[in-house]
Amino acid sequence: MKVLILAAGYATRLYPLTITQPKPLLPVAGKPMIDYVLDNIAPIPGIDRVYIVTNAKFAGHFQKWADQYRATKAKLEFTIVNDGSTDDSNKLGAIGDLALVLDREQVDDDLIVVAGDNLFSQSIEKFGIFCREKGQPVLGIHDVGSLDLAKKYGVVDTDAAGRITSFVEKPQDPASTLIGIALYYYPRATLPLIRQYVAEGNNPDQPGRLIQWLYPRVPVFTWSVPGIWYDIGSKETLEEANRIYGKR
């Protein structure tokens, strides 16, 4: 199994903090955001390589981080993929970056895709086990508890088996507070569909749009992320995350 961390954004809403440092490497409660991702994904059995897709500006930052992480924490194998972009005007978008890694690195394996700024508070080892059992695409979900907050995300509805029956990206009038987060599982057999999505000229940004396109075509299941989950999009949410995770 492979893991792909999406980390090619420029996080301009966090300027000046992210002018010289990528958002996933900003500290929260004393450690980089991306550590929360890897620390909680590393226990999933069978992971043999982690790809980090980033941009020309920050590729060196992530290589330095990956070398240190491997030396001091989990002995994972890392590949830093530079998508060649230099700013928001020529970025590929999250799905564009996903397709780039599939092709450039010739990925032919089950794949977990996760955003590098996801703050997890608990291991998601059971996510990997659930995904292997299902053998179908899986979306991580979380209840944000607020309809206003839900407007910022993809709102999900499921059947009794946890299969997605509706996925609306950033709805004006959300039907629930259950959202999809940037945690995905794509089994090897579905990788050609990702390439198809991009080849057809669909929106290459916002990774939830791929799920929105995918679930009417193949079964897509959901898995509830345990504990605290946080999405950092502004200085205010960064400060709040520092308070919350600093207490743990």
Protein backbone atom coordinates (compact mmCIF):
# COMPACT_ATOMS: atom_id res chain seq x y z
CA MET A 1 0.00 0.00 0.00
CA LYS A 2 1.15 3.52 -0.80
CA VAL A 3 0.34 6.85 0.87
CA LEU A 4 0.15 10.17 -0.97
CA ILE A 5 0.26 13.40 1.04
CA LEU A 6 -1.10 16.45 -0.75
CA ALA A 7 1.15 19.40 0.12
CA ALA A 8 1.48 21.57 -2.99
CA GLY A 9 -0.69 24.51 -1.95
CA TYR A 10 0.58 28.00 -1.15
CA ALA A 11 -1.77 28.82 1.77
CA THR A 12 -1.89 32.52 0.94
CA ARG A 13 -4.54 33.10 3.62
CA LEU A 14 -1.85 32.36 6.19
CA TYR A 15 0.65 34.91 4.85
CA PRO A 16 3.18 35.96 6.09
CA LEU A 17 3.59 32.64 7.97
CA THR A 18 3.60 30.63 4.74
CA ILE A 19 5.78 32.87 2.59
CA THR A 20 8.91 30.94 3.55
CA GLN A 21 7.38 27.80 5.09
CA PRO A 22 4.72 25.44 3.67
CA LYS A 23 1.54 25.15 5.72
CA PRO A 24 1.97 21.43 6.59
CA LEU A 25 5.31 22.24 8.22
CA LEU A 26 3.92 25.01 10.44
CA PRO A 27 3.98 23.93 14.10
CA VAL A 28 0.85 23.12 16.07
CA ALA A 29 1.42 22.50 19.77
CA GLY A 30 5.12 22.02 19.17
CA LYS A 31 5.24 19.80 16.11
CA PRO A 32 4.61 20.24 12.38
CA MET A 33 1.06 19.64 11.15
CA ILE A 34 2.27 16.90 8.84
CA ASP A 35 3.57 14.95 11.86
CA TYR A 36 -0.05 14.53 13.00
CA VAL A 37 -0.77 12.95 9.63
CA LEU A 38 2.18 10.56 9.58
CA ASP A 39 2.15 9.70 13.28
CA ASN A 40 -1.44 8.48 12.96
CA ILE A 41 -1.16 6.82 9.54
CA ALA A 42 2.16 5.03 10.16
CA PRO A 43 0.55 2.25 12.26
CA ILE A 44 -1.46 1.06 9.22
CA PRO A 45 0.16 -2.26 8.25
CA GLY A 46 1.59 -2.74 4.77
CA ILE A 47 2.60 0.82 3.90
CA ASP A 48 5.83 0.61 1.92
CA ARG A 49 6.18 4.14 0.53
CA VAL A 50 4.96 7.66 1.23
CA TYR A 51 4.79 10.19 -1.59
CA ILE A 52 4.65 13.88 -0.72
CA VAL A 53 3.58 16.01 -3.67
CA THR A 54 4.62 19.62 -3.31
CA ASN A 55 5.77 22.56 -5.42
CA ALA A 56 9.07 23.94 -6.69
CA LYS A 57 9.19 26.48 -3.87
CA PHE A 58 8.99 23.99 -0.99
CA ALA A 59 10.31 20.66 -2.31
CA GLY A 60 13.57 21.11 -0.40
CA HIS A 61 11.71 21.88 2.84
CA PHE A 62 9.80 18.60 2.63
CA GLN A 63 12.88 16.57 1.73
CA LYS A 64 14.65 17.86 4.84
CA TRP A 65 11.58 17.11 6.97
CA ALA A 66 11.21 13.58 5.51
CA ASP A 67 14.87 12.74 6.15
CA GLN A 68 14.50 13.81 9.77
CA TYR A 69 11.18 11.99 10.25
CA ARG A 70 12.60 8.75 8.90
CA ALA A 71 15.69 9.03 11.08
CA THR A 72 13.86 9.79 14.33
CA LYS A 73 10.42 8.20 13.96
CA ALA A 74 8.90 5.58 11.62
CA LYS A 75 11.29 3.99 9.12
CA LEU A 76 9.09 4.85 6.17
CA GLU A 77 10.39 5.29 2.63
CA PHE A 78 9.66 8.78 1.27
CA THR A 79 9.54 10.19 -2.25
CA ILE A 80 9.18 13.95 -2.64
CA VAL A 81 7.41 14.80 -5.90
CA ASN A 82 7.88 18.35 -7.21
CA ASP A 83 4.91 19.33 -9.37
CA GLY A 84 6.87 22.21 -10.90
CA SER A 85 4.45 24.95 -9.89
CA THR A 86 5.73 28.22 -8.45
CA ASP A 87 2.57 30.02 -7.27
CA ASP A 88 -1.24 29.90 -7.39
CA SER A 89 -1.27 31.01 -11.04
CA ASN A 90 0.28 27.77 -12.32
CA LYS A 91 -0.60 25.21 -9.66
CA LEU A 92 -2.03 21.87 -10.82
CA GLY A 93 -4.73 21.49 -8.16
CA ALA A 94 -5.03 18.60 -5.72
CA ILE A 95 -6.51 16.13 -8.21
CA GLY A 96 -4.04 17.27 -10.86
CA ASP A 97 -1.23 16.56 -8.41
CA LEU A 98 -2.72 13.15 -7.62
CA ALA A 99 -2.79 12.25 -11.32
CA LEU A 100 0.77 13.54 -11.74
CA VAL A 101 2.08 11.25 -9.01
CA LEU A 102 0.22 8.25 -10.42
CA ASP A 103 1.84 8.75 -13.81
CA ARG A 104 5.31 10.02 -12.89
CA GLU A 105 5.87 7.44 -10.17
CA GLN A 106 3.97 4.68 -12.03
CA VAL A 107 1.88 3.89 -8.95
CA ASP A 108 0.13 0.55 -9.32
CA ASP A 109 -1.02 -0.26 -5.80
CA ASP A 110 -3.74 0.51 -3.28
CA LEU A 111 -3.43 4.17 -2.33
CA ILE A 112 -4.33 6.30 0.68
CA VAL A 113 -4.52 10.02 -0.16
CA VAL A 114 -4.50 12.60 2.63
CA ALA A 115 -4.01 16.34 2.90
CA GLY A 116 -0.84 17.37 4.69
CA ASP A 117 -2.66 19.81 6.96
CA ASN A 118 -5.08 17.30 8.52
CA LEU A 119 -4.75 17.32 12.28
CA PHE A 120 -5.70 13.94 13.72
CA SER A 121 -5.68 13.28 17.45
CA GLN A 122 -5.88 9.48 17.26
CA SER A 123 -4.39 6.67 15.22
CA ILE A 124 -6.30 5.85 12.06
CA GLU A 125 -4.88 2.35 11.81
CA LYS A 126 -8.44 1.00 11.68
CA PHE A 127 -9.03 3.09 8.54
CA GLY A 128 -6.47 0.96 6.70
CA ILE A 129 -8.03 -2.25 7.99
CA PHE A 130 -11.54 -1.10 7.02
CA CYS A 131 -10.38 -0.13 3.54
CA ARG A 132 -8.75 -3.50 2.90
CA GLU A 133 -11.90 -5.29 4.02
CA LYS A 134 -14.14 -3.20 1.76
CA GLY A 135 -11.92 -3.31 -1.32
CA GLN A 136 -13.73 -0.22 -2.59
CA PRO A 137 -12.99 3.53 -2.45
CA VAL A 138 -13.45 4.97 1.05
CA LEU A 139 -13.91 8.56 2.23
CA GLY A 140 -13.03 9.71 5.74
CA ILE A 141 -15.95 11.59 7.32
CA HIS A 142 -16.41 13.78 10.37
CA ASP A 143 -19.35 15.50 12.05
CA VAL A 144 -18.44 19.20 12.38
CA GLY A 145 -21.56 19.86 14.45
CA SER A 146 -22.42 23.11 12.69
CA LEU A 147 -24.36 23.79 9.50
CA ASP A 148 -22.37 26.98 8.96
CA LEU A 149 -19.10 25.05 9.14
CA ALA A 150 -20.48 22.36 6.86
CA LYS A 151 -20.86 24.94 4.08
CA LYS A 152 -17.07 24.98 3.72
CA TYR A 153 -16.83 21.27 2.95
CA GLY A 154 -18.41 18.42 1.01
CA VAL A 155 -21.57 17.28 2.81
CA VAL A 156 -22.24 13.56 2.76
CA ASP A 157 -25.28 11.32 3.04
CA THR A 158 -25.04 7.52 3.23
CA ASP A 159 -27.22 4.44 3.26
CA ALA A 160 -27.39 1.97 6.16
CA ALA A 161 -24.23 0.23 4.94
CA GLY A 162 -22.24 3.48 4.96
CA ARG A 163 -22.16 3.80 1.18
CA ILE A 164 -22.35 7.36 -0.15
CA THR A 165 -25.73 8.25 -1.64
CA SER A 166 -25.14 12.00 -1.87
CA PHE A 167 -22.08 14.25 -1.88
CA VAL A 168 -22.48 18.00 -2.34
CA GLU A 169 -19.36 20.15 -2.45
CA LYS A 170 -19.66 23.36 -0.39
CA PRO A 171 -23.49 23.54 -0.37
CA GLN A 172 -25.25 26.82 0.35
CA ASP A 173 -27.87 24.97 2.39
CA PRO A 174 -26.29 21.81 3.86
CA ALA A 175 -28.62 18.96 4.68
CA SER A 176 -26.45 17.77 7.59
CA THR A 177 -23.23 18.44 9.48
CA LEU A 178 -21.54 15.24 8.26
CA ILE A 179 -18.67 16.15 5.96
CA GLY A 180 -16.06 14.43 3.89
CA ILE A 181 -12.49 15.27 4.88
CA ALA A 182 -9.30 15.02 2.83
CA LEU A 183 -8.70 11.36 3.67
CA TYR A 184 -9.32 8.91 0.84
CA TYR A 185 -8.64 5.31 -0.09
CA TYR A 186 -8.42 4.32 -3.73
CA PRO A 187 -7.89 0.60 -4.36
CA ARG A 188 -5.60 -0.27 -7.24
CA ALA A 189 -8.52 -1.15 -9.53
CA THR A 190 -9.94 2.40 -9.34
CA LEU A 191 -6.73 4.28 -10.24
CA PRO A 192 -7.66 4.36 -13.97
CA LEU A 193 -10.83 6.26 -13.02
CA ILE A 194 -8.69 9.03 -11.50
CA ARG A 195 -6.84 9.34 -14.78
CA GLN A 196 -10.17 9.35 -16.61
CA TYR A 197 -11.49 12.17 -14.42
CA VAL A 198 -8.54 14.37 -15.33
CA ALA A 199 -8.49 13.36 -19.01
CA GLU A 200 -12.13 14.42 -19.36
CA GLY A 201 -11.20 17.96 -18.29
CA ASN A 202 -12.96 17.97 -14.93
CA ASN A 203 -12.00 20.45 -12.19
CA PRO A 204 -8.50 19.41 -11.02
CA ASP A 205 -8.72 21.26 -7.69
CA GLN A 206 -10.61 20.42 -4.47
CA PRO A 207 -10.08 16.66 -4.00
CA GLY A 208 -13.69 16.14 -2.87
CA ARG A 209 -14.82 16.78 -6.43
CA LEU A 210 -13.29 13.47 -7.42
CA ILE A 211 -15.49 11.68 -4.87
CA GLN A 212 -18.50 13.65 -6.13
CA TRP A 213 -17.77 12.35 -9.64
CA LEU A 214 -16.85 8.84 -8.51
CA TYR A 215 -19.66 7.72 -6.21
CA PRO A 216 -22.36 7.42 -8.95
CA ARG A 217 -19.96 5.20 -10.92
CA VAL A 218 -18.62 2.83 -8.26
CA PRO A 219 -19.53 2.14 -4.62
CA VAL A 220 -17.77 4.60 -2.30
CA PHE A 221 -17.94 3.87 1.43
CA THR A 222 -17.32 6.06 4.47
CA TRP A 223 -15.31 5.76 7.65
CA SER A 224 -15.77 8.04 10.67
CA VAL A 225 -12.51 9.59 11.88
CA PRO A 226 -12.18 9.14 15.67
CA GLY A 227 -11.23 11.82 18.15
CA ILE A 228 -10.48 15.40 17.22
CA TRP A 229 -9.99 16.41 13.62
CA TYR A 230 -9.01 19.89 12.55
CA ASP A 231 -8.64 21.69 9.23
CA ILE A 232 -6.35 24.72 9.25
CA GLY A 233 -7.47 27.40 6.83
CA SER A 234 -6.74 30.70 8.55
CA LYS A 235 -4.65 32.31 11.27
CA GLU A 236 -7.66 32.09 13.59
CA THR A 237 -8.06 28.33 13.12
CA LEU A 238 -4.30 27.88 13.52
CA GLU A 239 -4.42 29.70 16.85
CA GLU A 240 -7.43 27.66 17.95
CA ALA A 241 -5.71 24.40 16.98
CA ASN A 242 -2.67 25.42 19.02
CA ARG A 243 -4.91 25.91 22.05
CA ILE A 244 -6.82 22.66 21.58
CA TYR A 245 -3.85 20.41 20.82
CA GLY A 246 -1.67 22.19 23.36
CA LYS A 247 -4.00 20.95 26.11
CA ARG A 248 -3.65 17.31 25.07
